[in-house]
Amino acid sequence: MLVLEKQEKYDGHQQFFAIVQLIGSRKQAENFAYRLELNGQRRRLTWEATPRSIHEGVSSAILNSDCLVFDTSIAQLFADNGNLGINVTISTV
């Protein structure tokens, strides 16, 4: 499951946090890896990690920025007609 959260940090500055959660235990999650990609004209932003278990939640990952983090200016670089696409790849390890 892809979780995308938007937070306002300071003076209206917004940040986006994207992370993948596995519906299963932490041990099961360790058997997988995921990659999130934003693609634009001659640009690519990639994040690779092990998914979090649904039982762990994502709060600590977001608090520690242990996920894909980008702001509105980065989002605009990768947006297509105002729409932002995130490619998600999940594989076994």
PDB file of N, CA and C in Angstrom:
ATOM      1  N   MET A   1       0.849  -1.158   0.000  1.00  0.00           N
ATOM      2  CA  MET A   1       0.000   0.000   0.000  1.00  0.00           C
ATOM      3  C   MET A   1       0.904   1.233   0.000  1.00  0.00           C
ATOM      4  N   LEU A   2       0.646   2.160  -0.907  1.00  0.00           N
ATOM      5  CA  LEU A   2       1.410   3.405  -0.969  1.00  0.00           C
ATOM      6  C   LEU A   2       0.747   4.429  -0.063  1.00  0.00           C
ATOM      7  N   VAL A   3       1.538   5.043   0.808  1.00  0.00           N
ATOM      8  CA  VAL A   3       1.053   6.110   1.679  1.00  0.00           C
ATOM      9  C   VAL A   3       1.717   7.400   1.222  1.00  0.00           C
ATOM     10  N   LEU A   4       0.917   8.405   0.916  1.00  0.00           N
ATOM     11  CA  LEU A   4       1.425   9.723   0.537  1.00  0.00           C
ATOM     12  C   LEU A   4       0.825  10.725   1.506  1.00  0.00           C
ATOM     13  N   GLU A   5       1.689  11.439   2.217  1.00  0.00           N
ATOM     14  CA  GLU A   5       1.228  12.404   3.211  1.00  0.00           C
ATOM     15  C   GLU A   5       1.814  13.770   2.886  1.00  0.00           C
ATOM     16  N   LYS A   6       0.981  14.800   3.031  1.00  0.00           N
ATOM     17  CA  LYS A   6       1.434  16.173   2.816  1.00  0.00           C
ATOM     18  C   LYS A   6       1.403  16.890   4.158  1.00  0.00           C
ATOM     19  N   GLN A   7       2.498  17.583   4.484  1.00  0.00           N
ATOM     20  CA  GLN A   7       2.575  18.342   5.729  1.00  0.00           C
ATOM     21  C   GLN A   7       3.059  19.749   5.426  1.00  0.00           C
ATOM     22  N   GLU A   8       2.496  20.699   6.156  1.00  0.00           N
ATOM     23  CA  GLU A   8       2.983  22.067   6.056  1.00  0.00           C
ATOM     24  C   GLU A   8       4.046  22.245   7.125  1.00  0.00           C
ATOM     25  N   LYS A   9       5.241  22.604   6.718  1.00  0.00           N
ATOM     26  CA  LYS A   9       6.363  22.699   7.651  1.00  0.00           C
ATOM     27  C   LYS A   9       6.469  24.086   8.273  1.00  0.00           C
ATOM     28  N   TYR A  10       6.717  25.103   7.481  1.00  0.00           N
ATOM     29  CA  TYR A  10       6.875  26.460   8.010  1.00  0.00           C
ATOM     30  C   TYR A  10       6.538  27.459   6.912  1.00  0.00           C
ATOM     31  N   ASP A  11       5.952  28.568   7.292  1.00  0.00           N
ATOM     32  CA  ASP A  11       5.630  29.644   6.345  1.00  0.00           C
ATOM     33  C   ASP A  11       4.963  29.129   5.073  1.00  0.00           C
ATOM     34  N   GLY A  12       4.062  28.174   5.205  1.00  0.00           N
ATOM     35  CA  GLY A  12       3.360  27.646   4.044  1.00  0.00           C
ATOM     36  C   GLY A  12       4.159  26.685   3.193  1.00  0.00           C
ATOM     37  N   HIS A  13       5.395  26.373   3.618  1.00  0.00           N
ATOM     38  CA  HIS A  13       6.242  25.432   2.872  1.00  0.00           C
ATOM     39  C   HIS A  13       5.697  24.020   3.084  1.00  0.00           C
ATOM     40  N   GLN A  14       5.292  23.372   2.003  1.00  0.00           N
ATOM     41  CA  GLN A  14       4.708  22.037   2.097  1.00  0.00           C
ATOM     42  C   GLN A  14       5.709  20.981   1.667  1.00  0.00           C
ATOM     43  N   GLN A  15       5.679  19.853   2.377  1.00  0.00           N
ATOM     44  CA  GLN A  15       6.502  18.702   2.012  1.00  0.00           C
ATOM     45  C   GLN A  15       5.602  17.493   1.845  1.00  0.00           C
ATOM     46  N   PHE A  16       6.014  16.618   0.929  1.00  0.00           N
ATOM     47  CA  PHE A  16       5.303  15.374   0.670  1.00  0.00           C
ATOM     48  C   PHE A  16       6.186  14.217   1.121  1.00  0.00           C
ATOM     49  N   PHE A  17       5.562  13.208   1.716  1.00  0.00           N
ATOM     50  CA  PHE A  17       6.259  12.022   2.200  1.00  0.00           C
ATOM     51  C   PHE A  17       5.569  10.810   1.592  1.00  0.00           C
ATOM     52  N   ALA A  18       6.333   9.947   0.927  1.00  0.00           N
ATOM     53  CA  ALA A  18       5.773   8.747   0.300  1.00  0.00           C
ATOM     54  C   ALA A  18       6.512   7.523   0.830  1.00  0.00           C
ATOM     55  N   ILE A  19       5.748   6.504   1.200  1.00  0.00           N
ATOM     56  CA  ILE A  19       6.320   5.277   1.758  1.00  0.00           C
ATOM     57  C   ILE A  19       5.380   4.117   1.424  1.00  0.00           C
ATOM     58  N   VAL A  20       5.936   2.925   1.347  1.00  0.00           N
ATOM     59  CA  VAL A  20       5.131   1.730   1.075  1.00  0.00           C
ATOM     60  C   VAL A  20       5.001   0.915   2.352  1.00  0.00           C
ATOM     61  N   GLN A  21       3.784   0.473   2.615  1.00  0.00           N
ATOM     62  CA  GLN A  21       3.512  -0.423   3.738  1.00  0.00           C
ATOM     63  C   GLN A  21       3.056  -1.772   3.196  1.00  0.00           C
ATOM     64  N   LEU A  22       3.506  -2.832   3.856  1.00  0.00           N
ATOM     65  CA  LEU A  22       3.088  -4.185   3.507  1.00  0.00           C
ATOM     66  C   LEU A  22       2.012  -4.622   4.489  1.00  0.00           C
ATOM     67  N   ILE A  23       0.949  -5.206   3.977  1.00  0.00           N
ATOM     68  CA  ILE A  23      -0.081  -5.743   4.858  1.00  0.00           C
ATOM     69  C   ILE A  23       0.415  -7.104   5.312  1.00  0.00           C
ATOM     70  N   GLY A  24       1.104  -7.104   6.454  1.00  0.00           N
ATOM     71  CA  GLY A  24       1.731  -8.297   7.005  1.00  0.00           C
ATOM     72  C   GLY A  24       2.655  -7.906   8.141  1.00  0.00           C
ATOM     73  N   SER A  25       3.401  -8.872   8.628  1.00  0.00           N
ATOM     74  CA  SER A  25       4.303  -8.641   9.759  1.00  0.00           C
ATOM     75  C   SER A  25       5.604  -7.984   9.299  1.00  0.00           C
ATOM     76  N   ARG A  26       6.386  -7.509  10.275  1.00  0.00           N
ATOM     77  CA  ARG A  26       7.698  -6.928   9.968  1.00  0.00           C
ATOM     78  C   ARG A  26       8.588  -7.972   9.306  1.00  0.00           C
ATOM     79  N   LYS A  27       8.514  -9.211   9.795  1.00  0.00           N
ATOM     80  CA  LYS A  27       9.337 -10.284   9.221  1.00  0.00           C
ATOM     81  C   LYS A  27       8.963 -10.524   7.757  1.00  0.00           C
ATOM     82  N   GLN A  28       7.682 -10.515   7.452  1.00  0.00           N
ATOM     83  CA  GLN A  28       7.244 -10.673   6.061  1.00  0.00           C
ATOM     84  C   GLN A  28       7.703  -9.493   5.204  1.00  0.00           C
ATOM     85  N   ALA A  29       7.649  -8.291   5.759  1.00  0.00           N
ATOM     86  CA  ALA A  29       8.052  -7.087   5.018  1.00  0.00           C
ATOM     87  C   ALA A  29       9.524  -7.140   4.630  1.00  0.00           C
ATOM     88  N   GLU A  30      10.345  -7.777   5.454  1.00  0.00           N
ATOM     89  CA  GLU A  30      11.781  -7.864   5.183  1.00  0.00           C
ATOM     90  C   GLU A  30      12.100  -8.686   3.932  1.00  0.00           C
ATOM     91  N   ASN A  31      11.128  -9.439   3.432  1.00  0.00           N
ATOM     92  CA  ASN A  31      11.326 -10.239   2.223  1.00  0.00           C
ATOM     93  C   ASN A  31      11.088  -9.445   0.936  1.00  0.00           C
ATOM     94  N   PHE A  32      10.779  -8.153   1.083  1.00  0.00           N
ATOM     95  CA  PHE A  32      10.441  -7.331  -0.075  1.00  0.00           C
ATOM     96  C   PHE A  32      11.282  -6.055  -0.104  1.00  0.00           C
ATOM     97  N   ALA A  33      11.390  -5.488  -1.272  1.00  0.00           N
ATOM     98  CA  ALA A  33      11.997  -4.168  -1.462  1.00  0.00           C
ATOM     99  C   ALA A  33      11.064  -3.397  -2.386  1.00  0.00           C
ATOM    100  N   TYR A  34      11.087  -2.088  -2.239  1.00  0.00           N
ATOM    101  CA  TYR A  34      10.271  -1.278  -3.137  1.00  0.00           C
ATOM    102  C   TYR A  34      11.083  -0.106  -3.674  1.00  0.00           C
ATOM    103  N   ARG A  35      10.618   0.389  -4.809  1.00  0.00           N
ATOM    104  CA  ARG A  35      11.233   1.568  -5.417  1.00  0.00           C
ATOM    105  C   ARG A  35      10.112   2.521  -5.813  1.00  0.00           C
ATOM    106  N   LEU A  36      10.267   3.780  -5.430  1.00  0.00           N
ATOM    107  CA  LEU A  36       9.351   4.836  -5.839  1.00  0.00           C
ATOM    108  C   LEU A  36      10.102   5.741  -6.803  1.00  0.00           C
ATOM    109  N   GLU A  37       9.475   6.079  -7.909  1.00  0.00           N
ATOM    110  CA  GLU A  37      10.121   6.923  -8.917  1.00  0.00           C
ATOM    111  C   GLU A  37       9.199   8.042  -9.371  1.00  0.00           C
ATOM    112  N   LEU A  38       9.773   9.228  -9.412  1.00  0.00           N
ATOM    113  CA  LEU A  38       9.144  10.354 -10.092  1.00  0.00           C
ATOM    114  C   LEU A  38       9.929  10.541 -11.379  1.00  0.00           C
ATOM    115  N   ASN A  39       9.250  10.591 -12.504  1.00  0.00           N
ATOM    116  CA  ASN A  39       9.919  10.747 -13.797  1.00  0.00           C
ATOM    117  C   ASN A  39       9.411  11.998 -14.490  1.00  0.00           C
ATOM    118  N   GLY A  40      10.346  12.734 -15.080  1.00  0.00           N
ATOM    119  CA  GLY A  40      10.010  13.927 -15.847  1.00  0.00           C
ATOM    120  C   GLY A  40      10.933  14.016 -17.041  1.00  0.00           C
ATOM    121  N   GLN A  41      10.894  15.156 -17.709  1.00  0.00           N
ATOM    122  CA  GLN A  41      11.759  15.337 -18.875  1.00  0.00           C
ATOM    123  C   GLN A  41      13.218  15.297 -18.434  1.00  0.00           C
ATOM    124  N   ARG A  42      13.908  14.254 -18.839  1.00  0.00           N
ATOM    125  CA  ARG A  42      15.331  14.058 -18.531  1.00  0.00           C
ATOM    126  C   ARG A  42      15.635  14.136 -17.034  1.00  0.00           C
ATOM    127  N   ARG A  43      14.640  13.792 -16.209  1.00  0.00           N
ATOM    128  CA  ARG A  43      14.824  13.803 -14.760  1.00  0.00           C
ATOM    129  C   ARG A  43      14.230  12.530 -14.173  1.00  0.00           C
ATOM    130  N   ARG A  44      14.854  12.071 -13.100  1.00  0.00           N
ATOM    131  CA  ARG A  44      14.316  10.930 -12.363  1.00  0.00           C
ATOM    132  C   ARG A  44      14.708  11.085 -10.899  1.00  0.00           C
ATOM    133  N   LEU A  45      13.735  10.927 -10.019  1.00  0.00           N
ATOM    134  CA  LEU A  45      13.980  10.938  -8.581  1.00  0.00           C
ATOM    135  C   LEU A  45      13.537   9.579  -8.064  1.00  0.00           C
ATOM    136  N   THR A  46      14.455   8.849  -7.407  1.00  0.00           N
ATOM    137  CA  THR A  46      14.187   7.471  -6.996  1.00  0.00           C
ATOM    138  C   THR A  46      14.471   7.283  -5.516  1.00  0.00           C
ATOM    139  N   TRP A  47      13.628   6.492  -4.858  1.00  0.00           N
ATOM    140  CA  TRP A  47      13.828   6.086  -3.468  1.00  0.00           C
ATOM    141  C   TRP A  47      13.646   4.572  -3.415  1.00  0.00           C
ATOM    142  N   GLU A  48      14.595   3.864  -2.793  1.00  0.00           N
ATOM    143  CA  GLU A  48      14.493   2.411  -2.636  1.00  0.00           C
ATOM    144  C   GLU A  48      14.636   2.064  -1.165  1.00  0.00           C
ATOM    145  N   ALA A  49      13.796   1.146  -0.696  1.00  0.00           N
ATOM    146  CA  ALA A  49      13.837   0.753   0.717  1.00  0.00           C
ATOM    147  C   ALA A  49      13.058  -0.544   0.921  1.00  0.00           C
ATOM    148  N   THR A  50      13.066  -1.012   2.164  1.00  0.00           N
ATOM    149  CA  THR A  50      12.246  -2.142   2.591  1.00  0.00           C
ATOM    150  C   THR A  50      10.918  -1.580   3.083  1.00  0.00           C
ATOM    151  N   PRO A  51       9.800  -2.174   2.683  1.00  0.00           N
ATOM    152  CA  PRO A  51       8.516  -1.634   3.143  1.00  0.00           C
ATOM    153  C   PRO A  51       8.354  -1.767   4.655  1.00  0.00           C
ATOM    154  N   ARG A  52       7.528  -0.934   5.204  1.00  0.00           N
ATOM    155  CA  ARG A  52       7.165  -1.021   6.617  1.00  0.00           C
ATOM    156  C   ARG A  52       5.979  -1.967   6.740  1.00  0.00           C
ATOM    157  N   SER A  53       5.912  -2.659   7.866  1.00  0.00           N
ATOM    158  CA  SER A  53       4.745  -3.483   8.146  1.00  0.00           C
ATOM    159  C   SER A  53       3.573  -2.569   8.480  1.00  0.00           C
ATOM    160  N   ILE A  54       2.388  -2.996   8.133  1.00  0.00           N
ATOM    161  CA  ILE A  54       1.181  -2.237   8.460  1.00  0.00           C
ATOM    162  C   ILE A  54       1.057  -2.083   9.977  1.00  0.00           C
ATOM    163  N   HIS A  55       1.668  -3.014  10.734  1.00  0.00           N
ATOM    164  CA  HIS A  55       1.612  -2.976  12.196  1.00  0.00           C
ATOM    165  C   HIS A  55       2.557  -1.928  12.774  1.00  0.00           C
ATOM    166  N   GLU A  56       3.572  -1.513  12.005  1.00  0.00           N
ATOM    167  CA  GLU A  56       4.538  -0.519  12.480  1.00  0.00           C
ATOM    168  C   GLU A  56       4.033   0.908  12.316  1.00  0.00           C
ATOM    169  N   GLY A  57       3.220   1.146  11.320  1.00  0.00           N
ATOM    170  CA  GLY A  57       2.817   2.510  11.022  1.00  0.00           C
ATOM    171  C   GLY A  57       3.926   3.239  10.284  1.00  0.00           C
ATOM    172  N   VAL A  58       3.649   4.462   9.884  1.00  0.00           N
ATOM    173  CA  VAL A  58       4.621   5.229   9.110  1.00  0.00           C
ATOM    174  C   VAL A  58       5.066   6.504   9.818  1.00  0.00           C
ATOM    175  N   SER A  59       4.534   6.772  10.992  1.00  0.00           N
ATOM    176  CA  SER A  59       4.840   8.029  11.684  1.00  0.00           C
ATOM    177  C   SER A  59       6.324   8.228  11.920  1.00  0.00           C
ATOM    178  N   SER A  60       7.008   7.200  12.422  1.00  0.00           N
ATOM    179  CA  SER A  60       8.438   7.354  12.715  1.00  0.00           C
ATOM    180  C   SER A  60       9.239   7.535  11.433  1.00  0.00           C
ATOM    181  N   ALA A  61       8.866   6.843  10.373  1.00  0.00           N
ATOM    182  CA  ALA A  61       9.574   6.995   9.097  1.00  0.00           C
ATOM    183  C   ALA A  61       9.416   8.417   8.568  1.00  0.00           C
ATOM    184  N   ILE A  62       8.221   8.958   8.666  1.00  0.00           N
ATOM    185  CA  ILE A  62       7.987  10.323   8.198  1.00  0.00           C
ATOM    186  C   ILE A  62       8.713  11.320   9.094  1.00  0.00           C
ATOM    187  N   LEU A  63       8.652  11.122  10.399  1.00  0.00           N
ATOM    188  CA  LEU A  63       9.331  12.013  11.340  1.00  0.00           C
ATOM    189  C   LEU A  63      10.831  12.059  11.082  1.00  0.00           C
ATOM    190  N   ASN A  64      11.420  10.904  10.748  1.00  0.00           N
ATOM    191  CA  ASN A  64      12.863  10.817  10.502  1.00  0.00           C
ATOM    192  C   ASN A  64      13.228  10.983   9.024  1.00  0.00           C
ATOM    193  N   SER A  65      12.242  11.292   8.191  1.00  0.00           N
ATOM    194  CA  SER A  65      12.436  11.425   6.737  1.00  0.00           C
ATOM    195  C   SER A  65      13.040  10.163   6.133  1.00  0.00           C
ATOM    196  N   ASP A  66      12.671   9.003   6.675  1.00  0.00           N
ATOM    197  CA  ASP A  66      13.138   7.712   6.166  1.00  0.00           C
ATOM    198  C   ASP A  66      12.142   7.215   5.117  1.00  0.00           C
ATOM    199  N   CYS A  67      11.960   8.032   4.078  1.00  0.00           N
ATOM    200  CA  CYS A  67      11.006   7.756   3.012  1.00  0.00           C
ATOM    201  C   CYS A  67      11.314   8.738   1.879  1.00  0.00           C
ATOM    202  N   LEU A  68      10.559   8.657   0.807  1.00  0.00           N
ATOM    203  CA  LEU A  68      10.730   9.629  -0.273  1.00  0.00           C
ATOM    204  C   LEU A  68      10.144  10.956   0.196  1.00  0.00           C
ATOM    205  N   VAL A  69      10.972  11.996   0.215  1.00  0.00           N
ATOM    206  CA  VAL A  69      10.553  13.323   0.676  1.00  0.00           C
ATOM    207  C   VAL A  69      10.812  14.325  -0.446  1.00  0.00           C
ATOM    208  N   PHE A  70       9.808  15.120  -0.758  1.00  0.00           N
ATOM    209  CA  PHE A  70       9.988  16.169  -1.760  1.00  0.00           C
ATOM    210  C   PHE A  70       9.023  17.307  -1.465  1.00  0.00           C
ATOM    211  N   ASP A  71       9.368  18.486  -1.967  1.00  0.00           N
ATOM    212  CA  ASP A  71       8.526  19.654  -1.725  1.00  0.00           C
ATOM    213  C   ASP A  71       7.743  20.020  -2.986  1.00  0.00           C
ATOM    214  N   THR A  72       6.984  21.101  -2.899  1.00  0.00           N
ATOM    215  CA  THR A  72       6.117  21.465  -4.019  1.00  0.00           C
ATOM    216  C   THR A  72       6.908  21.853  -5.266  1.00  0.00           C
ATOM    217  N   SER A  73       8.083  22.458  -5.103  1.00  0.00           N
ATOM    218  CA  SER A  73       8.859  22.827  -6.296  1.00  0.00           C
ATOM    219  C   SER A  73       9.352  21.583  -7.029  1.00  0.00           C
ATOM    220  N   ILE A  74       9.744  20.552  -6.284  1.00  0.00           N
ATOM    221  CA  ILE A  74      10.140  19.280  -6.913  1.00  0.00           C
ATOM    222  C   ILE A  74       8.920  18.634  -7.570  1.00  0.00           C
ATOM    223  N   ALA A  75       7.784  18.656  -6.877  1.00  0.00           N
ATOM    224  CA  ALA A  75       6.561  18.073  -7.442  1.00  0.00           C
ATOM    225  C   ALA A  75       6.217  18.744  -8.773  1.00  0.00           C
ATOM    226  N   GLN A  76       6.377  20.062  -8.849  1.00  0.00           N
ATOM    227  CA  GLN A  76       6.068  20.779 -10.086  1.00  0.00           C
ATOM    228  C   GLN A  76       7.024  20.408 -11.219  1.00  0.00           C
ATOM    229  N   LEU A  77       8.284  20.109 -10.876  1.00  0.00           N
ATOM    230  CA  LEU A  77       9.244  19.680 -11.905  1.00  0.00           C
ATOM    231  C   LEU A  77       8.809  18.382 -12.585  1.00  0.00           C
ATOM    232  N   PHE A  78       8.160  17.508 -11.814  1.00  0.00           N
ATOM    233  CA  PHE A  78       7.791  16.189 -12.322  1.00  0.00           C
ATOM    234  C   PHE A  78       6.318  16.085 -12.729  1.00  0.00           C
ATOM    235  N   ALA A  79       5.536  17.117 -12.467  1.00  0.00           N
ATOM    236  CA  ALA A  79       4.103  17.070 -12.771  1.00  0.00           C
ATOM    237  C   ALA A  79       3.863  17.185 -14.275  1.00  0.00           C
ATOM    238  N   ASP A  80       2.824  16.521 -14.723  1.00  0.00           N
ATOM    239  CA  ASP A  80       2.394  16.579 -16.119  1.00  0.00           C
ATOM    240  C   ASP A  80       0.990  17.174 -16.133  1.00  0.00           C
ATOM    241  N   ASN A  81       0.873  18.410 -16.602  1.00  0.00           N
ATOM    242  CA  ASN A  81      -0.415  19.125 -16.589  1.00  0.00           C
ATOM    243  C   ASN A  81      -1.039  19.153 -15.198  1.00  0.00           C
ATOM    244  N   GLY A  82      -0.213  19.369 -14.179  1.00  0.00           N
ATOM    245  CA  GLY A  82      -0.709  19.464 -12.807  1.00  0.00           C
ATOM    246  C   GLY A  82      -0.900  18.136 -12.105  1.00  0.00           C
ATOM    247  N   ASN A  83      -0.655  17.027 -12.789  1.00  0.00           N
ATOM    248  CA  ASN A  83      -0.800  15.700 -12.189  1.00  0.00           C
ATOM    249  C   ASN A  83       0.570  15.091 -11.935  1.00  0.00           C
ATOM    250  N   LEU A  84       0.746  14.557 -10.741  1.00  0.00           N
ATOM    251  CA  LEU A  84       2.010  13.933 -10.374  1.00  0.00           C
ATOM    252  C   LEU A  84       1.821  12.423 -10.320  1.00  0.00           C
ATOM    253  N   GLY A  85       2.636  11.702 -11.066  1.00  0.00           N
ATOM    254  CA  GLY A  85       2.588  10.244 -11.053  1.00  0.00           C
ATOM    255  C   GLY A  85       3.779   9.687 -10.295  1.00  0.00           C
ATOM    256  N   ILE A  86       3.523   8.700  -9.456  1.00  0.00           N
ATOM    257  CA  ILE A  86       4.596   8.011  -8.737  1.00  0.00           C
ATOM    258  C   ILE A  86       4.583   6.559  -9.191  1.00  0.00           C
ATOM    259  N   ASN A  87       5.681   6.115  -9.807  1.00  0.00           N
ATOM    260  CA  ASN A  87       5.796   4.716 -10.211  1.00  0.00           C
ATOM    261  C   ASN A  87       6.259   3.902  -9.014  1.00  0.00           C
ATOM    262  N   VAL A  88       5.559   2.816  -8.738  1.00  0.00           N
ATOM    263  CA  VAL A  88       5.866   1.954  -7.598  1.00  0.00           C
ATOM    264  C   VAL A  88       6.246   0.576  -8.118  1.00  0.00           C
ATOM    265  N   THR A  89       7.413   0.081  -7.693  1.00  0.00           N
ATOM    266  CA  THR A  89       7.860  -1.267  -8.032  1.00  0.00           C
ATOM    267  C   THR A  89       8.138  -2.004  -6.734  1.00  0.00           C
ATOM    268  N   ILE A  90       7.528  -3.170  -6.571  1.00  0.00           N
ATOM    269  CA  ILE A  90       7.748  -3.999  -5.385  1.00  0.00           C
ATOM    270  C   ILE A  90       8.297  -5.333  -5.855  1.00  0.00           C
ATOM    271  N   SER A  91       9.387  -5.777  -5.220  1.00  0.00           N
ATOM    272  CA  SER A  91      10.008  -7.042  -5.619  1.00  0.00           C
ATOM    273  C   SER A  91      10.423  -7.828  -4.381  1.00  0.00           C
ATOM    274  N   THR A  92      10.643  -9.125  -4.577  1.00  0.00           N
ATOM    275  CA  THR A  92      11.140  -9.961  -3.487  1.00  0.00           C
ATOM    276  C   THR A  92      12.658  -9.870  -3.452  1.00  0.00           C
ATOM    277  N   VAL A  93      13.206 -10.069  -2.255  1.00  0.00           N
ATOM    278  CA  VAL A  93      14.671 -10.020  -2.106  1.00  0.00           C
ATOM    279  C   VAL A  93      15.200 -11.363  -1.668  1.00  0.00           C
TER     280      VAL A  93
END
